N, C-alpha and C. Protein backbone atom coordinates (compact mmCIF):
# COMPACT_ATOMS: atom_id res chain seq x y z
N UNK A 1 92.11 90.48 117.54
CA UNK A 1 91.05 89.92 117.09
C UNK A 1 89.92 90.97 117.01
N UNK A 2 89.04 91.14 116.24
CA UNK A 2 87.87 92.19 116.43
C UNK A 2 86.66 91.41 115.84
N UNK A 3 85.52 91.92 116.56
CA UNK A 3 84.24 91.46 116.30
C UNK A 3 83.56 92.43 115.43
N UNK A 4 83.19 92.03 114.40
CA UNK A 4 82.64 92.92 113.41
C UNK A 4 81.30 92.32 113.09
N UNK A 5 80.15 93.35 113.38
CA UNK A 5 78.57 93.28 113.16
C UNK A 5 78.41 93.74 111.87
N UNK A 6 77.53 93.36 110.99
CA UNK A 6 77.11 93.81 109.81
C UNK A 6 75.46 93.87 109.94
N UNK A 7 74.82 94.89 109.67
CA UNK A 7 73.47 94.86 109.25
C UNK A 7 73.26 95.28 108.12
N UNK A 8 72.66 94.25 107.39
CA UNK A 8 72.58 94.90 105.99
C UNK A 8 71.20 94.07 105.28
N UNK A 9 70.89 94.23 104.07
CA UNK A 9 69.78 93.62 103.49
C UNK A 9 70.00 92.10 103.58
N UNK A 10 69.05 91.22 103.48
CA UNK A 10 69.46 89.83 103.91
C UNK A 10 69.77 89.11 102.76
N UNK A 11 69.42 89.55 101.50
CA UNK A 11 70.18 89.21 100.33
C UNK A 11 71.42 89.37 100.17
N UNK A 12 72.26 90.38 101.13
CA UNK A 12 73.96 90.08 101.11
C UNK A 12 74.59 89.11 101.93
N UNK A 13 73.57 88.26 102.29
CA UNK A 13 74.38 87.10 103.22
C UNK A 13 75.48 86.20 102.64
N UNK A 14 75.31 85.97 101.25
CA UNK A 14 76.28 85.22 100.33
C UNK A 14 77.71 86.19 100.18
N UNK A 15 77.18 87.52 99.95
CA UNK A 15 78.29 88.15 99.89
C UNK A 15 79.14 88.24 101.16
N UNK A 16 78.49 88.68 102.23
CA UNK A 16 79.38 88.95 103.40
C UNK A 16 80.02 87.38 103.67
N UNK A 17 79.39 86.40 103.48
CA UNK A 17 79.96 85.13 103.81
C UNK A 17 81.24 84.81 102.82
N UNK A 18 81.20 85.35 101.55
CA UNK A 18 82.23 85.26 100.64
C UNK A 18 83.32 85.84 101.15
N UNK A 19 83.11 87.13 101.60
CA UNK A 19 84.14 88.13 102.22
C UNK A 19 84.81 87.60 103.45
N UNK A 20 84.19 86.85 104.32
CA UNK A 20 84.57 86.26 105.75
C UNK A 20 85.56 85.20 104.96
N UNK A 21 85.11 84.36 104.13
CA UNK A 21 85.91 83.05 103.61
C UNK A 21 87.29 83.59 103.07
N UNK A 22 87.09 84.80 102.44
CA UNK A 22 88.38 85.27 101.75
C UNK A 22 89.29 85.80 102.79
N UNK A 23 88.95 86.50 103.81
CA UNK A 23 89.97 86.71 104.80
C UNK A 23 90.19 85.96 105.76
N UNK A 24 89.70 84.69 105.76
CA UNK A 24 89.80 83.60 106.61
C UNK A 24 89.38 83.95 108.05
N UNK A 25 88.10 84.43 108.23
CA UNK A 25 87.60 84.93 109.44
C UNK A 25 87.68 83.84 110.45
N UNK A 26 87.76 84.05 111.77
CA UNK A 26 87.70 83.05 112.63
C UNK A 26 86.25 82.38 112.97
N UNK A 27 85.34 83.39 112.55
CA UNK A 27 83.98 82.62 112.83
C UNK A 27 83.16 83.81 111.86
N UNK A 28 82.00 83.24 111.36
CA UNK A 28 81.03 84.05 110.86
C UNK A 28 79.79 83.30 111.14
N UNK A 29 78.78 84.33 111.63
CA UNK A 29 77.48 83.83 112.04
C UNK A 29 76.41 84.78 111.41
N UNK A 30 75.34 84.12 111.03
CA UNK A 30 74.04 84.69 110.75
C UNK A 30 73.35 84.55 112.05
N UNK A 31 72.63 85.95 112.57
CA UNK A 31 72.18 86.01 113.87
C UNK A 31 70.80 86.31 113.82
N UNK A 32 69.84 85.36 114.31
CA UNK A 32 68.43 85.75 114.23
C UNK A 32 67.78 85.67 112.73
N UNK A 33 66.37 85.96 112.67
CA UNK A 33 65.91 85.93 111.45
C UNK A 33 65.76 87.67 110.86
N UNK A 34 65.64 87.75 109.50
CA UNK A 34 65.63 89.18 109.29
C UNK A 34 64.34 89.85 109.66
N UNK A 35 64.68 91.23 109.89
CA UNK A 35 63.62 91.96 110.46
C UNK A 35 62.30 92.15 109.36
N UNK A 36 61.44 92.95 109.81
CA UNK A 36 60.39 93.39 109.00
C UNK A 36 60.75 94.05 107.78
N UNK A 37 62.04 94.87 108.09
CA UNK A 37 62.56 95.62 107.17
C UNK A 37 63.45 95.13 106.29
N UNK A 38 63.47 93.59 106.38
CA UNK A 38 64.69 92.57 105.57
C UNK A 38 65.87 92.99 105.82
N UNK A 39 66.15 93.51 106.99
CA UNK A 39 67.53 93.55 107.24
C UNK A 39 67.90 92.53 108.32
N UNK A 40 69.34 92.09 107.94
CA UNK A 40 69.81 90.92 108.64
C UNK A 40 71.12 91.16 109.51
N UNK A 41 71.12 90.62 110.76
CA UNK A 41 72.46 90.93 111.38
C UNK A 41 73.38 89.65 111.21
N UNK A 42 74.46 90.02 110.70
CA UNK A 42 75.58 89.17 110.68
C UNK A 42 76.78 89.47 111.56
N UNK A 43 77.81 88.48 112.01
CA UNK A 43 78.74 88.60 112.71
C UNK A 43 79.83 87.88 112.29
N UNK A 44 81.26 88.62 112.08
CA UNK A 44 82.42 88.10 111.98
C UNK A 44 83.37 88.38 112.81
N UNK A 45 84.22 87.33 113.25
CA UNK A 45 85.25 87.59 114.07
C UNK A 45 86.69 87.54 113.36
N UNK A 46 87.39 88.49 113.35
CA UNK A 46 88.48 88.44 112.20
C UNK A 46 89.74 89.01 113.01
N UNK A 47 90.89 88.72 112.53
CA UNK A 47 92.24 88.68 113.03
C UNK A 47 92.60 90.42 112.88
N UNK A 48 93.06 91.11 113.63
CA UNK A 48 93.47 92.45 113.55
C UNK A 48 93.96 92.85 112.21
N UNK A 49 95.13 91.92 111.75
CA UNK A 49 95.59 92.50 110.27
C UNK A 49 94.68 92.14 109.30
N UNK A 50 93.31 91.75 109.53
CA UNK A 50 92.51 91.40 108.17
C UNK A 50 91.60 92.46 108.21
N UNK A 51 91.32 93.10 109.35
CA UNK A 51 90.26 93.94 109.46
C UNK A 51 90.10 94.94 108.51
N UNK A 52 91.14 95.84 107.88
CA UNK A 52 90.84 96.92 107.12
C UNK A 52 90.54 96.21 105.76
N UNK A 53 90.97 94.95 105.32
CA UNK A 53 90.68 94.38 104.23
C UNK A 53 88.86 94.15 104.22
N UNK A 54 88.65 93.52 105.51
CA UNK A 54 87.01 93.22 105.60
C UNK A 54 86.42 94.65 105.58
N UNK A 55 86.75 95.50 106.28
CA UNK A 55 85.84 96.69 106.16
C UNK A 55 85.88 97.38 104.51
N UNK A 56 87.00 97.43 104.12
CA UNK A 56 86.96 97.79 102.48
C UNK A 56 86.40 97.16 101.83
N UNK A 57 86.02 95.64 102.11
CA UNK A 57 85.25 94.83 101.11
C UNK A 57 83.89 95.18 101.39
N UNK A 58 83.53 95.28 102.61
CA UNK A 58 82.15 95.47 103.18
C UNK A 58 81.77 96.87 102.60
N UNK A 59 82.53 97.73 102.44
CA UNK A 59 81.99 99.22 102.12
C UNK A 59 81.88 99.02 100.56
N UNK A 60 82.76 98.52 99.77
CA UNK A 60 82.69 98.28 98.46
C UNK A 60 81.56 97.77 98.09
N UNK A 61 80.93 96.61 98.49
CA UNK A 61 79.70 95.77 97.97
C UNK A 61 78.40 96.34 98.67
N UNK A 62 78.51 96.86 99.83
CA UNK A 62 77.29 96.94 100.56
C UNK A 62 77.09 98.58 100.77
N UNK A 63 78.28 99.19 100.29
CA UNK A 63 77.94 100.97 100.30
C UNK A 63 76.74 101.32 100.02
N UNK A 64 76.38 100.77 98.74
CA UNK A 64 74.87 101.29 98.22
C UNK A 64 73.71 101.24 98.87
N UNK A 65 73.79 100.42 99.94
CA UNK A 65 72.58 100.11 100.69
C UNK A 65 72.58 101.15 101.80
N UNK A 66 71.38 102.15 101.65
CA UNK A 66 71.60 103.31 102.69
C UNK A 66 71.32 102.81 104.12
N UNK A 67 70.89 101.73 104.55
CA UNK A 67 70.62 101.61 105.82
C UNK A 67 71.65 100.37 106.50
N UNK A 68 72.74 100.27 105.75
CA UNK A 68 73.77 99.30 106.23
C UNK A 68 74.39 99.85 107.42
N UNK A 69 74.81 99.10 108.37
CA UNK A 69 75.46 99.52 109.45
C UNK A 69 76.80 98.32 109.55
N UNK A 70 78.00 98.73 110.04
CA UNK A 70 79.03 97.99 110.24
C UNK A 70 79.50 98.70 111.69
N UNK A 71 79.75 97.64 112.59
CA UNK A 71 80.22 97.90 113.92
C UNK A 71 81.62 97.17 114.25
N UNK A 72 82.50 97.80 114.54
CA UNK A 72 83.57 97.02 115.07
C UNK A 72 83.89 97.22 116.51
N UNK A 73 84.02 95.97 117.19
CA UNK A 73 84.30 96.13 118.72
C UNK A 73 85.61 95.31 119.09
N UNK A 74 86.31 95.72 119.94
CA UNK A 74 87.51 94.70 120.32
C UNK A 74 87.17 93.42 120.89
N UNK A 75 87.85 92.52 120.90
CA UNK A 75 87.61 91.32 121.51
C UNK A 75 88.65 91.25 122.87
N UNK A 76 88.04 91.20 123.88
CA UNK A 76 89.06 91.38 125.30
C UNK A 76 89.46 90.19 125.47
N UNK A 77 88.51 88.95 125.38
CA UNK A 77 89.03 87.65 125.54
C UNK A 77 88.47 86.83 124.67
N UNK A 78 89.11 85.53 124.22
CA UNK A 78 88.46 84.53 123.57
C UNK A 78 89.13 83.14 124.04
N UNK A 79 88.42 82.14 124.10
CA UNK A 79 88.83 80.81 124.60
C UNK A 79 88.29 79.88 123.67
N UNK A 80 89.05 79.08 123.08
CA UNK A 80 90.42 79.04 123.39
C UNK A 80 91.21 80.01 122.61
N UNK A 81 92.37 80.35 123.02
CA UNK A 81 93.15 81.44 122.23
C UNK A 81 93.29 81.06 120.85
N UNK A 82 93.35 81.98 119.89
CA UNK A 82 93.44 81.55 118.61
C UNK A 82 94.61 80.82 118.22
N UNK A 83 95.86 80.87 118.74
CA UNK A 83 96.98 80.06 118.63
C UNK A 83 96.78 78.48 118.90
N UNK A 84 95.75 78.33 120.02
CA UNK A 84 95.41 77.15 120.41
C UNK A 84 94.53 76.31 119.36
N UNK A 85 93.72 77.37 118.96
CA UNK A 85 92.50 76.79 118.00
C UNK A 85 93.43 76.04 116.58
N UNK A 86 94.25 76.83 116.36
CA UNK A 86 95.11 76.24 115.04
C UNK A 86 95.88 74.98 115.36
N UNK A 87 96.49 75.22 116.52
CA UNK A 87 97.20 73.96 117.03
C UNK A 87 96.04 72.73 117.18
N UNK A 88 94.96 72.85 117.66
CA UNK A 88 94.21 71.75 117.95
C UNK A 88 93.41 71.31 116.57
N UNK A 89 93.25 71.97 115.66
CA UNK A 89 92.96 71.77 114.11
C UNK A 89 94.20 70.83 113.35
N UNK A 90 95.12 71.41 113.72
CA UNK A 90 96.30 70.31 113.00
C UNK A 90 96.48 69.03 113.74
N UNK A 91 96.19 69.04 115.04
CA UNK A 91 96.13 67.60 115.82
C UNK A 91 95.32 66.73 115.43
N UNK A 92 93.86 67.19 115.05
CA UNK A 92 92.74 66.39 114.81
C UNK A 92 92.94 65.67 113.47
């Protein structure tokens, strides 16, 4: 799993949300309010095998924004484990 932070124009929210939905991100969050510069922090948690698709999509749709930042961080631990999350969703 990878933690992907995106700092982009606040108007990009729907686009980033659509990307998260398309790759079936484990989590997508809008973090805090947009700054004075109208930049917004968004977070995705994605499976390792979806990371390249996420980065390609983000670069294609946000690449024209000069102030965009995309950070990728490893997830060292996550509870419950992703396999347990899937199992719990099927049970409910």
